Amino acid sequence: MIYTKDMITEIMKEYNSPYSKITHMIKKGKIIRVRRGLYSDTSETPGEVFAPLVYSPSYLSFQYALAYHGLIPEAVCNFTCAGFGLEADKVFKTPFGVYVYKYIPKEVFYIEIGLVQELGYTIKVANPEKALCDMVYKLRYTKNQGDIERYLYQDLRIEEQSLASLQLSAFEDLAPLYRRETVNQLHTIVKKVVNGKHDYF
């Protein structure tokens, strides 16, 4: 079970020094401190569950979401998340993994996010289209559509067939909201791939 600071303080209120009791339980391994004000009573809790709790509001996105949806071949070690109200990236190292949070505009923050069940917990994960837009939004050194294509096919190693399986309508809704040319170029690339698929078949 997961405990917030208020929850665990309420449980320990019968003790003269609740914080000392919490510290003692951590040392004894009876509870695990994820970060300040966040605890778990078992190491079996899926690391994904803590993503929206370590920093809030947030959702799992970027490389983690792309791997989750099978768009990129490599496994992802860190829990990469989109966060709201960030002035700079935040990184939290915890017993359950490393959590990385990156800024995403508020206009797109709450859309195209799916709810996934993991061992009884509900986890917010960006849909594949949203995760890809988030990734491209953070690019800073691309100059043209060719740069974006090389990033997709060579750096991320996404297959064209995977791009063709994405929902073009999601990109049509999302791209204008990011207000960044790289995301508009991504939309154009996906549209070309999807239309090519339709023409071929």
C-alpha atoms as a PDB file:
ATOM      1  CA  MET A   1       0.000   0.000   0.000  1.00  0.00           C
ATOM      2  CA  ILE A   2       1.063   3.572  -0.665  1.00  0.00           C
ATOM      3  CA  TYR A   3       1.000   6.191   2.074  1.00  0.00           C
ATOM      4  CA  THR A   4       1.151   9.956   1.816  1.00  0.00           C
ATOM      5  CA  LYS A   5       2.503  12.085   4.652  1.00  0.00           C
ATOM      6  CA  ASP A   6      -0.986  12.814   5.975  1.00  0.00           C
ATOM      7  CA  MET A   7      -2.027   9.163   5.842  1.00  0.00           C
ATOM      8  CA  ILE A   8       0.975   7.821   7.701  1.00  0.00           C
ATOM      9  CA  THR A   9       0.901  10.650  10.256  1.00  0.00           C
ATOM     10  CA  GLU A  10      -2.740   9.785  11.016  1.00  0.00           C
ATOM     11  CA  ILE A  11      -1.791   6.123  11.511  1.00  0.00           C
ATOM     12  CA  MET A  12       1.073   7.066  13.847  1.00  0.00           C
ATOM     13  CA  LYS A  13      -0.818   9.723  15.826  1.00  0.00           C
ATOM     14  CA  GLU A  14      -1.121   7.447  18.894  1.00  0.00           C
ATOM     15  CA  TYR A  15       2.647   7.618  19.380  1.00  0.00           C
ATOM     16  CA  ASN A  16       4.246  10.464  21.339  1.00  0.00           C
ATOM     17  CA  SER A  17       6.631  11.128  18.462  1.00  0.00           C
ATOM     18  CA  PRO A  18       5.064  10.009  15.157  1.00  0.00           C
ATOM     19  CA  TYR A  19       8.030  11.165  13.076  1.00  0.00           C
ATOM     20  CA  SER A  20      10.480   9.205  15.231  1.00  0.00           C
ATOM     21  CA  LYS A  21       8.278   6.130  14.815  1.00  0.00           C
ATOM     22  CA  ILE A  22       8.221   6.604  11.043  1.00  0.00           C
ATOM     23  CA  THR A  23      12.020   6.932  10.989  1.00  0.00           C
ATOM     24  CA  HIS A  24      12.325   3.771  13.107  1.00  0.00           C
ATOM     25  CA  MET A  25      10.039   1.826  10.738  1.00  0.00           C
ATOM     26  CA  ILE A  26      12.085   2.972   7.745  1.00  0.00           C
ATOM     27  CA  LYS A  27      15.292   1.779   9.386  1.00  0.00           C
ATOM     28  CA  LYS A  28      13.663  -1.571  10.182  1.00  0.00           C
ATOM     29  CA  GLY A  29      12.489  -1.937   6.600  1.00  0.00           C
ATOM     30  CA  LYS A  30       8.809  -1.995   7.540  1.00  0.00           C
ATOM     31  CA  ILE A  31       8.068   0.917   5.242  1.00  0.00           C
ATOM     32  CA  ILE A  32      10.021   2.337   2.319  1.00  0.00           C
ATOM     33  CA  ARG A  33      10.515   6.060   1.880  1.00  0.00           C
ATOM     34  CA  VAL A  34      10.005   6.854  -1.791  1.00  0.00           C
ATOM     35  CA  ARG A  35      10.616  10.547  -1.272  1.00  0.00           C
ATOM     36  CA  ARG A  36       9.649  13.112   1.330  1.00  0.00           C
ATOM     37  CA  GLY A  37       6.012  12.563   2.285  1.00  0.00           C
ATOM     38  CA  LEU A  38       5.573   9.414   0.177  1.00  0.00           C
ATOM     39  CA  TYR A  39       5.949   5.838   1.443  1.00  0.00           C
ATOM     40  CA  SER A  40       5.204   2.227   0.536  1.00  0.00           C
ATOM     41  CA  ASP A  41       4.877  -0.829   2.767  1.00  0.00           C
ATOM     42  CA  THR A  42       6.247  -3.184   0.120  1.00  0.00           C
ATOM     43  CA  SER A  43       8.991  -3.234  -2.476  1.00  0.00           C
ATOM     44  CA  GLU A  44       6.601  -5.037  -4.842  1.00  0.00           C
ATOM     45  CA  THR A  45       4.687  -1.858  -5.679  1.00  0.00           C
ATOM     46  CA  PRO A  46       5.087  -1.178  -9.440  1.00  0.00           C
ATOM     47  CA  GLY A  47       7.339   1.828  -9.988  1.00  0.00           C
ATOM     48  CA  GLU A  48       4.876   3.299 -12.490  1.00  0.00           C
ATOM     49  CA  VAL A  49       2.390   3.876  -9.677  1.00  0.00           C
ATOM     50  CA  PHE A  50       4.590   6.533  -8.068  1.00  0.00           C
ATOM     51  CA  ALA A  51       5.021   8.597 -11.243  1.00  0.00           C
ATOM     52  CA  PRO A  52       2.065  10.961 -10.615  1.00  0.00           C
ATOM     53  CA  LEU A  53       2.856  11.077  -6.889  1.00  0.00           C
ATOM     54  CA  VAL A  54       6.566  11.909  -6.914  1.00  0.00           C
ATOM     55  CA  TYR A  55       5.689  15.074  -8.835  1.00  0.00           C
ATOM     56  CA  SER A  56       2.165  16.242  -9.587  1.00  0.00           C
ATOM     57  CA  PRO A  57       0.401  16.827 -11.872  1.00  0.00           C
ATOM     58  CA  SER A  58       2.116  14.528 -14.328  1.00  0.00           C
ATOM     59  CA  TYR A  59       1.650  11.522 -16.577  1.00  0.00           C
ATOM     60  CA  LEU A  60       4.004   8.914 -18.044  1.00  0.00           C
ATOM     61  CA  SER A  61       5.164   9.883 -21.522  1.00  0.00           C
ATOM     62  CA  PHE A  62       8.241  10.259 -23.753  1.00  0.00           C
ATOM     63  CA  GLN A  63      10.456   7.149 -24.020  1.00  0.00           C
ATOM     64  CA  TYR A  64       8.556   5.220 -21.358  1.00  0.00           C
ATOM     65  CA  ALA A  65       5.209   5.590 -23.130  1.00  0.00           C
ATOM     66  CA  LEU A  66       6.708   4.879 -26.555  1.00  0.00           C
ATOM     67  CA  ALA A  67       8.220   1.649 -25.219  1.00  0.00           C
ATOM     68  CA  TYR A  68       4.991   0.762 -23.421  1.00  0.00           C
ATOM     69  CA  HIS A  69       3.058   1.084 -26.686  1.00  0.00           C
ATOM     70  CA  GLY A  70       5.708  -0.866 -28.619  1.00  0.00           C
ATOM     71  CA  LEU A  71       6.849   1.982 -30.857  1.00  0.00           C
ATOM     72  CA  ILE A  72      10.527   1.779 -29.886  1.00  0.00           C
ATOM     73  CA  PRO A  73      12.451  -1.493 -29.520  1.00  0.00           C
ATOM     74  CA  GLU A  74      14.613  -0.715 -26.490  1.00  0.00           C
ATOM     75  CA  ALA A  75      13.502  -1.136 -22.904  1.00  0.00           C
ATOM     76  CA  VAL A  76      13.455   2.121 -20.944  1.00  0.00           C
ATOM     77  CA  CYS A  77      15.111   2.241 -17.527  1.00  0.00           C
ATOM     78  CA  ASN A  78      13.740   5.567 -16.264  1.00  0.00           C
ATOM     79  CA  PHE A  79      10.149   6.622 -15.710  1.00  0.00           C
ATOM     80  CA  THR A  80       9.910   9.553 -18.113  1.00  0.00           C
ATOM     81  CA  CYS A  81       7.002  11.883 -17.416  1.00  0.00           C
ATOM     82  CA  ALA A  82       5.393  15.075 -18.620  1.00  0.00           C
ATOM     83  CA  GLY A  83       4.896  17.582 -15.822  1.00  0.00           C
ATOM     84  CA  PHE A  84       2.954  20.801 -15.571  1.00  0.00           C
ATOM     85  CA  GLY A  85       4.315  24.092 -14.246  1.00  0.00           C
ATOM     86  CA  LEU A  86       7.981  23.105 -14.522  1.00  0.00           C
ATOM     87  CA  GLU A  87      10.628  25.748 -15.153  1.00  0.00           C
ATOM     88  CA  ALA A  88      13.295  23.074 -15.653  1.00  0.00           C
ATOM     89  CA  ASP A  89      13.503  19.286 -15.858  1.00  0.00           C
ATOM     90  CA  LYS A  90      13.299  17.502 -12.529  1.00  0.00           C
ATOM     91  CA  VAL A  91      14.940  14.188 -11.669  1.00  0.00           C
ATOM     92  CA  PHE A  92      14.109  12.121  -8.583  1.00  0.00           C
ATOM     93  CA  LYS A  93      16.123   9.035  -7.648  1.00  0.00           C
ATOM     94  CA  THR A  94      14.089   6.662  -5.486  1.00  0.00           C
ATOM     95  CA  PRO A  95      14.197   3.031  -4.320  1.00  0.00           C
ATOM     96  CA  PHE A  96      11.629   2.279  -7.048  1.00  0.00           C
ATOM     97  CA  GLY A  97      13.523   3.878  -9.918  1.00  0.00           C
ATOM     98  CA  VAL A  98      14.505   7.198 -11.447  1.00  0.00           C
ATOM     99  CA  TYR A  99      11.701   9.602 -12.339  1.00  0.00           C
ATOM    100  CA  VAL A 100      12.322  12.310 -14.944  1.00  0.00           C
ATOM    101  CA  TYR A 101       9.800  15.132 -15.421  1.00  0.00           C
ATOM    102  CA  LYS A 102       9.752  17.521 -18.385  1.00  0.00           C
ATOM    103  CA  TYR A 103       7.568  20.516 -19.109  1.00  0.00           C
ATOM    104  CA  ILE A 104       4.652  20.241 -21.534  1.00  0.00           C
ATOM    105  CA  PRO A 105       2.288  23.142 -22.422  1.00  0.00           C
ATOM    106  CA  LYS A 106      -0.931  23.341 -20.420  1.00  0.00           C
ATOM    107  CA  GLU A 107      -3.011  23.448 -23.624  1.00  0.00           C
ATOM    108  CA  VAL A 108      -2.160  19.793 -24.337  1.00  0.00           C
ATOM    109  CA  PHE A 109      -1.503  18.545 -20.839  1.00  0.00           C
ATOM    110  CA  TYR A 110      -4.800  16.827 -20.063  1.00  0.00           C
ATOM    111  CA  ILE A 111      -5.694  15.333 -23.445  1.00  0.00           C
ATOM    112  CA  GLU A 112      -4.798  12.056 -25.181  1.00  0.00           C
ATOM    113  CA  ILE A 113      -3.921  10.293 -21.923  1.00  0.00           C
ATOM    114  CA  GLY A 114      -4.968   6.713 -21.251  1.00  0.00           C
ATOM    115  CA  LEU A 115      -5.691   5.024 -17.926  1.00  0.00           C
ATOM    116  CA  VAL A 116      -3.860   1.729 -17.465  1.00  0.00           C
ATOM    117  CA  GLN A 117      -4.479  -0.834 -14.717  1.00  0.00           C
ATOM    118  CA  GLU A 118      -1.349  -2.248 -13.041  1.00  0.00           C
ATOM    119  CA  LEU A 119      -1.807  -4.654 -10.097  1.00  0.00           C
ATOM    120  CA  GLY A 120      -4.910  -2.841  -8.947  1.00  0.00           C
ATOM    121  CA  TYR A 121      -3.511   0.658  -9.457  1.00  0.00           C
ATOM    122  CA  THR A 122      -4.609   3.115 -12.136  1.00  0.00           C
ATOM    123  CA  ILE A 123      -1.729   4.700 -14.036  1.00  0.00           C
ATOM    124  CA  LYS A 124      -1.873   7.634 -16.466  1.00  0.00           C
ATOM    125  CA  VAL A 125       0.095   6.958 -19.665  1.00  0.00           C
ATOM    126  CA  ALA A 126       0.187   9.161 -22.755  1.00  0.00           C
ATOM    127  CA  ASN A 127      -1.383   7.641 -25.834  1.00  0.00           C
ATOM    128  CA  PRO A 128       1.275   6.804 -28.467  1.00  0.00           C
ATOM    129  CA  GLU A 129       0.438   9.852 -30.568  1.00  0.00           C
ATOM    130  CA  LYS A 130       0.700  12.155 -27.548  1.00  0.00           C
ATOM    131  CA  ALA A 131       3.982  10.589 -26.385  1.00  0.00           C
ATOM    132  CA  LEU A 132       5.493  11.105 -29.837  1.00  0.00           C
ATOM    133  CA  CYS A 133       4.346  14.730 -29.932  1.00  0.00           C
ATOM    134  CA  ASP A 134       5.826  15.260 -26.465  1.00  0.00           C
ATOM    135  CA  MET A 135       9.149  13.830 -27.642  1.00  0.00           C
ATOM    136  CA  VAL A 136       9.353  15.981 -30.752  1.00  0.00           C
ATOM    137  CA  TYR A 137       8.187  19.084 -28.860  1.00  0.00           C
ATOM    138  CA  LYS A 138      11.329  18.861 -26.696  1.00  0.00           C
ATOM    139  CA  LEU A 139      13.706  18.710 -29.677  1.00  0.00           C
ATOM    140  CA  ARG A 140      15.864  21.807 -29.996  1.00  0.00           C
ATOM    141  CA  TYR A 141      18.345  21.127 -32.788  1.00  0.00           C
ATOM    142  CA  THR A 142      16.184  20.028 -35.714  1.00  0.00           C
ATOM    143  CA  LYS A 143      16.003  22.319 -38.742  1.00  0.00           C
ATOM    144  CA  ASN A 144      13.709  20.617 -41.217  1.00  0.00           C
ATOM    145  CA  GLN A 145      11.467  17.650 -41.923  1.00  0.00           C
ATOM    146  CA  GLY A 146      14.466  15.503 -42.853  1.00  0.00           C
ATOM    147  CA  ASP A 147      15.919  16.052 -39.378  1.00  0.00           C
ATOM    148  CA  ILE A 148      12.650  14.902 -37.801  1.00  0.00           C
ATOM    149  CA  GLU A 149      12.539  11.794 -40.001  1.00  0.00           C
ATOM    150  CA  ARG A 150      16.120  10.881 -39.076  1.00  0.00           C
ATOM    151  CA  TYR A 151      15.243  11.357 -35.415  1.00  0.00           C
ATOM    152  CA  LEU A 152      12.227   9.049 -35.722  1.00  0.00           C
ATOM    153  CA  TYR A 153      13.777   6.320 -37.842  1.00  0.00           C
ATOM    154  CA  GLN A 154      17.428   6.381 -36.752  1.00  0.00           C
ATOM    155  CA  ASP A 155      17.549   7.769 -33.213  1.00  0.00           C
ATOM    156  CA  LEU A 156      14.282   6.352 -31.876  1.00  0.00           C
ATOM    157  CA  ARG A 157      14.313   3.427 -34.326  1.00  0.00           C
ATOM    158  CA  ILE A 158      10.589   3.652 -34.959  1.00  0.00           C
ATOM    159  CA  GLU A 159       9.488   1.599 -37.938  1.00  0.00           C
ATOM    160  CA  GLU A 160       7.410   3.222 -40.667  1.00  0.00           C
ATOM    161  CA  GLN A 161       4.794   0.496 -40.187  1.00  0.00           C
ATOM    162  CA  SER A 162       4.394   1.605 -36.572  1.00  0.00           C
ATOM    163  CA  LEU A 163       3.857   5.220 -37.651  1.00  0.00           C
ATOM    164  CA  ALA A 164       1.262   4.053 -40.152  1.00  0.00           C
ATOM    165  CA  SER A 165      -0.716   2.388 -37.360  1.00  0.00           C
ATOM    166  CA  LEU A 166      -1.149   5.650 -35.417  1.00  0.00           C
ATOM    167  CA  GLN A 167      -4.333   7.728 -35.392  1.00  0.00           C
ATOM    168  CA  LEU A 168      -3.867  10.669 -37.747  1.00  0.00           C
ATOM    169  CA  SER A 169      -6.826  12.466 -36.177  1.00  0.00           C
ATOM    170  CA  ALA A 170      -4.961  12.658 -32.868  1.00  0.00           C
ATOM    171  CA  PHE A 171      -2.081  14.518 -34.538  1.00  0.00           C
ATOM    172  CA  GLU A 172      -4.547  16.832 -36.260  1.00  0.00           C
ATOM    173  CA  ASP A 173      -5.990  17.736 -32.849  1.00  0.00           C
ATOM    174  CA  LEU A 174      -2.691  17.924 -30.975  1.00  0.00           C
ATOM    175  CA  ALA A 175      -0.240  19.593 -33.358  1.00  0.00           C
ATOM    176  CA  PRO A 176      -1.753  23.125 -33.363  1.00  0.00           C
ATOM    177  CA  LEU A 177      -1.888  23.174 -29.556  1.00  0.00           C
ATOM    178  CA  TYR A 178       1.868  22.679 -29.098  1.00  0.00           C
ATOM    179  CA  ARG A 179       2.578  25.784 -31.171  1.00  0.00           C
ATOM    180  CA  ARG A 180       5.923  24.428 -32.315  1.00  0.00           C
ATOM    181  CA  GLU A 181       7.068  23.849 -35.873  1.00  0.00           C
ATOM    182  CA  THR A 182       8.717  20.523 -35.052  1.00  0.00           C
ATOM    183  CA  VAL A 183       5.357  19.068 -33.996  1.00  0.00           C
ATOM    184  CA  ASN A 184       3.730  20.436 -37.158  1.00  0.00           C
ATOM    185  CA  GLN A 185       6.450  18.689 -39.172  1.00  0.00           C
ATOM    186  CA  LEU A 186       5.788  15.466 -37.248  1.00  0.00           C
ATOM    187  CA  HIS A 187       2.119  15.759 -38.192  1.00  0.00           C
ATOM    188  CA  THR A 188       3.098  16.157 -41.855  1.00  0.00           C
ATOM    189  CA  ILE A 189       5.373  13.091 -41.707  1.00  0.00           C
ATOM    190  CA  VAL A 190       2.734  10.891 -40.095  1.00  0.00           C
ATOM    191  CA  LYS A 191       0.118  12.113 -42.574  1.00  0.00           C
ATOM    192  CA  LYS A 192       2.424  11.200 -45.447  1.00  0.00           C
ATOM    193  CA  VAL A 193       3.063   7.734 -44.016  1.00  0.00           C
ATOM    194  CA  VAL A 194      -0.597   7.044 -43.243  1.00  0.00           C
ATOM    195  CA  ASN A 195      -1.738   8.243 -46.673  1.00  0.00           C
ATOM    196  CA  GLY A 196       0.966   6.160 -48.261  1.00  0.00           C
ATOM    197  CA  LYS A 197      -0.323   3.127 -46.417  1.00  0.00           C
ATOM    198  CA  HIS A 198      -3.871   3.814 -47.593  1.00  0.00           C
ATOM    199  CA  ASP A 199      -2.739   4.350 -51.177  1.00  0.00           C
ATOM    200  CA  TYR A 200      -0.747   1.117 -51.137  1.00  0.00           C
ATOM    201  CA  PHE A 201      -3.446  -1.043 -49.694  1.00  0.00           C
END
